[in-house]
């Protein structure tokens, strides 16, 4: 019969070994991402844009599992202080990582300055950027998304193909 110290030591050893062998170390490189997204994509036009009160054009860059996005907003309505309204045209930027789950593209990152460094204050949005798009269709030169927050179409054209070269984290 085992004494209490021996029983505790055996349980501790068993739990330690179980924990040690059940964990796996994450790789120290970024993920590969989705091959079909790799590249620079531009939204060149928006249907009926002249009749809209406001609209946003997107410019995406997908490289490995990372994304960079530039938004150009055109608005006839001033939502901001006058120095931020900029005659109804302004740019915002974000970067982060993405995942594709089934037919959904999920982007999680932060709003940034134009150089993709963290933005903590100033005009327009700052903080976390989280957005989801349904991938309606894609081929080698076109990508059609639907913004799941407002159901707007985002039709993108491939401007430059990129091959993922994973970088160390």
Protein backbone atom coordinates (compact mmCIF):
# COMPACT_ATOMS: atom_id res chain seq x y z
CA UNK A 1 0.00 0.00 0.00
CA UNK A 2 1.29 3.45 -1.02
CA UNK A 3 1.55 6.23 1.56
CA UNK A 4 0.00 9.67 0.96
CA UNK A 5 3.30 11.27 -0.12
CA UNK A 6 3.88 8.56 -2.69
CA UNK A 7 0.30 8.85 -3.97
CA UNK A 8 0.56 12.65 -4.33
CA UNK A 9 3.95 12.33 -6.02
CA UNK A 10 2.56 9.75 -8.47
CA UNK A 11 -0.47 11.91 -9.27
CA UNK A 12 1.72 14.98 -9.70
CA UNK A 13 4.11 13.11 -11.99
CA UNK A 14 1.24 11.66 -14.04
CA UNK A 15 -0.41 15.09 -14.46
CA UNK A 16 2.91 16.73 -15.34
CA UNK A 17 3.70 14.12 -17.99
CA UNK A 18 0.16 14.30 -19.37
CA UNK A 19 0.39 18.09 -19.64
CA UNK A 20 3.91 18.00 -21.09
CA UNK A 21 3.12 15.50 -23.85
CA UNK A 22 -0.33 16.87 -24.70
CA UNK A 23 0.87 20.41 -25.45
CA UNK A 24 2.43 21.36 -28.73
CA UNK A 25 4.53 24.40 -29.35
CA UNK A 26 3.18 26.85 -31.89
CA UNK A 27 5.50 27.59 -34.80
CA UNK A 28 7.55 30.77 -34.66
CA UNK A 29 6.47 31.84 -38.17
CA UNK A 30 3.32 33.43 -39.49
CA UNK A 31 0.66 31.25 -41.07
CA UNK A 32 0.43 30.62 -44.83
CA UNK A 33 -3.06 32.06 -45.23
CA UNK A 34 -5.22 31.29 -48.25
CA UNK A 35 -3.56 30.98 -51.66
CA UNK A 36 -6.53 32.45 -53.55
CA UNK A 37 -6.38 35.69 -51.54
CA UNK A 38 -2.64 36.36 -51.83
CA UNK A 39 -2.20 39.68 -53.61
CA UNK A 40 -3.30 43.29 -53.92
CA UNK A 41 -7.02 43.76 -54.61
CA UNK A 42 -8.75 47.01 -55.55
CA UNK A 43 -12.40 48.01 -55.54
CA UNK A 44 -12.34 50.16 -58.68
CA UNK A 45 -15.98 51.26 -58.68
CA UNK A 46 -19.25 51.07 -56.78
CA UNK A 47 -22.63 50.55 -58.43
CA UNK A 48 -24.74 53.75 -58.40
CA UNK A 49 -22.13 55.63 -56.38
CA UNK A 50 -23.34 59.06 -57.54
CA UNK A 51 -26.76 58.38 -56.01
CA UNK A 52 -25.46 57.23 -52.61
CA UNK A 53 -25.19 59.46 -49.53
CA UNK A 54 -21.93 57.73 -48.68
CA UNK A 55 -19.85 54.79 -49.84
CA UNK A 56 -16.49 53.21 -49.12
CA UNK A 57 -13.93 51.91 -51.61
CA UNK A 58 -11.56 49.19 -50.37
CA UNK A 59 -7.95 48.42 -51.25
CA UNK A 60 -6.74 45.11 -49.75
CA UNK A 61 -3.33 43.51 -49.56
CA UNK A 62 -3.23 39.89 -48.39
CA UNK A 63 0.18 38.41 -47.70
CA UNK A 64 0.40 35.04 -45.96
CA UNK A 65 -2.07 35.25 -43.04
CA UNK A 66 -1.89 39.07 -42.78
CA UNK A 67 -4.04 41.77 -44.31
CA UNK A 68 -3.65 45.50 -44.90
CA UNK A 69 -6.69 47.52 -45.92
CA UNK A 70 -7.15 51.12 -47.00
CA UNK A 71 -10.66 52.56 -47.04
CA UNK A 72 -11.56 55.67 -48.99
CA UNK A 73 -14.87 57.07 -47.76
CA UNK A 74 -16.96 59.45 -49.87
CA UNK A 75 -19.77 61.15 -47.96
CA UNK A 76 -22.31 63.87 -48.63
CA UNK A 77 -23.13 63.98 -44.91
CA UNK A 78 -20.70 65.32 -42.31
CA UNK A 79 -20.36 62.89 -39.38
CA UNK A 80 -17.16 64.47 -38.06
CA UNK A 81 -15.68 67.79 -36.97
CA UNK A 82 -15.10 70.12 -39.90
CA UNK A 83 -11.32 69.59 -40.03
CA UNK A 84 -11.89 65.82 -40.26
CA UNK A 85 -14.67 65.93 -42.87
CA UNK A 86 -12.19 66.92 -45.60
CA UNK A 87 -14.88 67.95 -48.11
CA UNK A 88 -16.49 64.51 -47.83
CA UNK A 89 -13.50 62.33 -48.79
CA UNK A 90 -11.17 60.70 -46.28
CA UNK A 91 -8.97 57.64 -45.85
CA UNK A 92 -8.64 55.11 -43.06
CA UNK A 93 -6.26 52.17 -42.69
CA UNK A 94 -6.14 48.89 -40.79
CA UNK A 95 -3.94 45.81 -40.54
CA UNK A 96 -4.11 42.45 -38.83
CA UNK A 97 -4.61 38.77 -39.53
CA UNK A 98 -7.37 36.94 -41.31
CA UNK A 99 -9.00 33.53 -41.45
CA UNK A 100 -11.35 31.94 -43.94
CA UNK A 101 -13.98 29.68 -42.40
CA UNK A 102 -16.22 27.98 -44.93
CA UNK A 103 -17.41 30.93 -47.06
CA UNK A 104 -16.58 33.67 -44.54
CA UNK A 105 -13.50 35.91 -44.51
CA UNK A 106 -12.83 37.16 -40.96
CA UNK A 107 -10.48 40.12 -40.46
CA UNK A 108 -9.20 41.00 -36.98
CA UNK A 109 -6.72 43.81 -36.43
CA UNK A 110 -6.31 47.46 -35.54
CA UNK A 111 -6.97 50.80 -37.19
CA UNK A 112 -3.65 52.37 -38.12
CA UNK A 113 -2.08 55.48 -39.53
CA UNK A 114 -1.26 55.49 -43.27
CA UNK A 115 2.12 53.86 -42.50
CA UNK A 116 0.30 50.97 -40.72
CA UNK A 117 1.65 51.96 -37.31
CA UNK A 118 -0.82 51.90 -34.42
CA UNK A 119 -3.34 54.74 -34.28
CA UNK A 120 -4.62 55.73 -30.84
CA UNK A 121 -6.30 59.08 -31.56
CA UNK A 122 -7.20 61.51 -34.31
CA UNK A 123 -9.93 61.77 -36.89
CA UNK A 124 -12.17 58.83 -37.73
CA UNK A 125 -12.00 55.42 -36.13
CA UNK A 126 -9.24 54.00 -33.95
CA UNK A 127 -8.82 50.88 -31.83
CA UNK A 128 -9.80 47.38 -32.94
CA UNK A 129 -10.87 46.59 -36.49
CA UNK A 130 -13.06 43.49 -36.76
CA UNK A 131 -14.95 42.74 -39.94
CA UNK A 132 -16.48 39.74 -41.70
CA UNK A 133 -17.23 39.22 -45.36
CA UNK A 134 -19.02 36.44 -47.17
CA UNK A 135 -16.96 35.25 -50.14
CA UNK A 136 -19.61 35.19 -52.88
CA UNK A 137 -17.24 34.25 -55.70
CA UNK A 138 -13.62 34.41 -56.78
CA UNK A 139 -11.34 33.52 -59.64
CA UNK A 140 -7.77 34.39 -60.57
CA UNK A 141 -8.62 38.05 -61.24
CA UNK A 142 -11.85 38.88 -59.38
CA UNK A 143 -13.03 38.55 -55.81
CA UNK A 144 -16.62 39.33 -54.81
CA UNK A 145 -17.34 39.84 -51.13
CA UNK A 146 -20.42 40.83 -49.15
CA UNK A 147 -19.88 42.85 -45.98
CA UNK A 148 -21.82 40.94 -43.32
CA UNK A 149 -22.41 44.03 -41.16
CA UNK A 150 -24.25 46.09 -43.81
CA UNK A 151 -24.71 43.68 -46.76
CA UNK A 152 -22.83 45.94 -49.20
CA UNK A 153 -21.07 44.32 -52.14
CA UNK A 154 -17.32 44.66 -52.41
CA UNK A 155 -16.18 43.72 -55.93
CA UNK A 156 -12.41 43.56 -56.12
CA UNK A 157 -9.98 43.23 -59.02
CA UNK A 158 -6.55 41.68 -58.63
CA UNK A 159 -3.83 44.28 -59.24
CA UNK A 160 -0.78 42.26 -58.17
CA UNK A 161 -0.31 38.60 -57.29
CA UNK A 162 1.76 37.90 -54.15
CA UNK A 163 3.48 34.65 -53.16
CA UNK A 164 3.50 34.05 -49.42
CA UNK A 165 6.97 34.10 -47.89
CA UNK A 166 6.42 33.33 -44.22
CA UNK A 167 8.23 35.61 -41.80
CA UNK A 168 9.40 34.92 -38.26
CA UNK A 169 7.12 36.24 -35.55
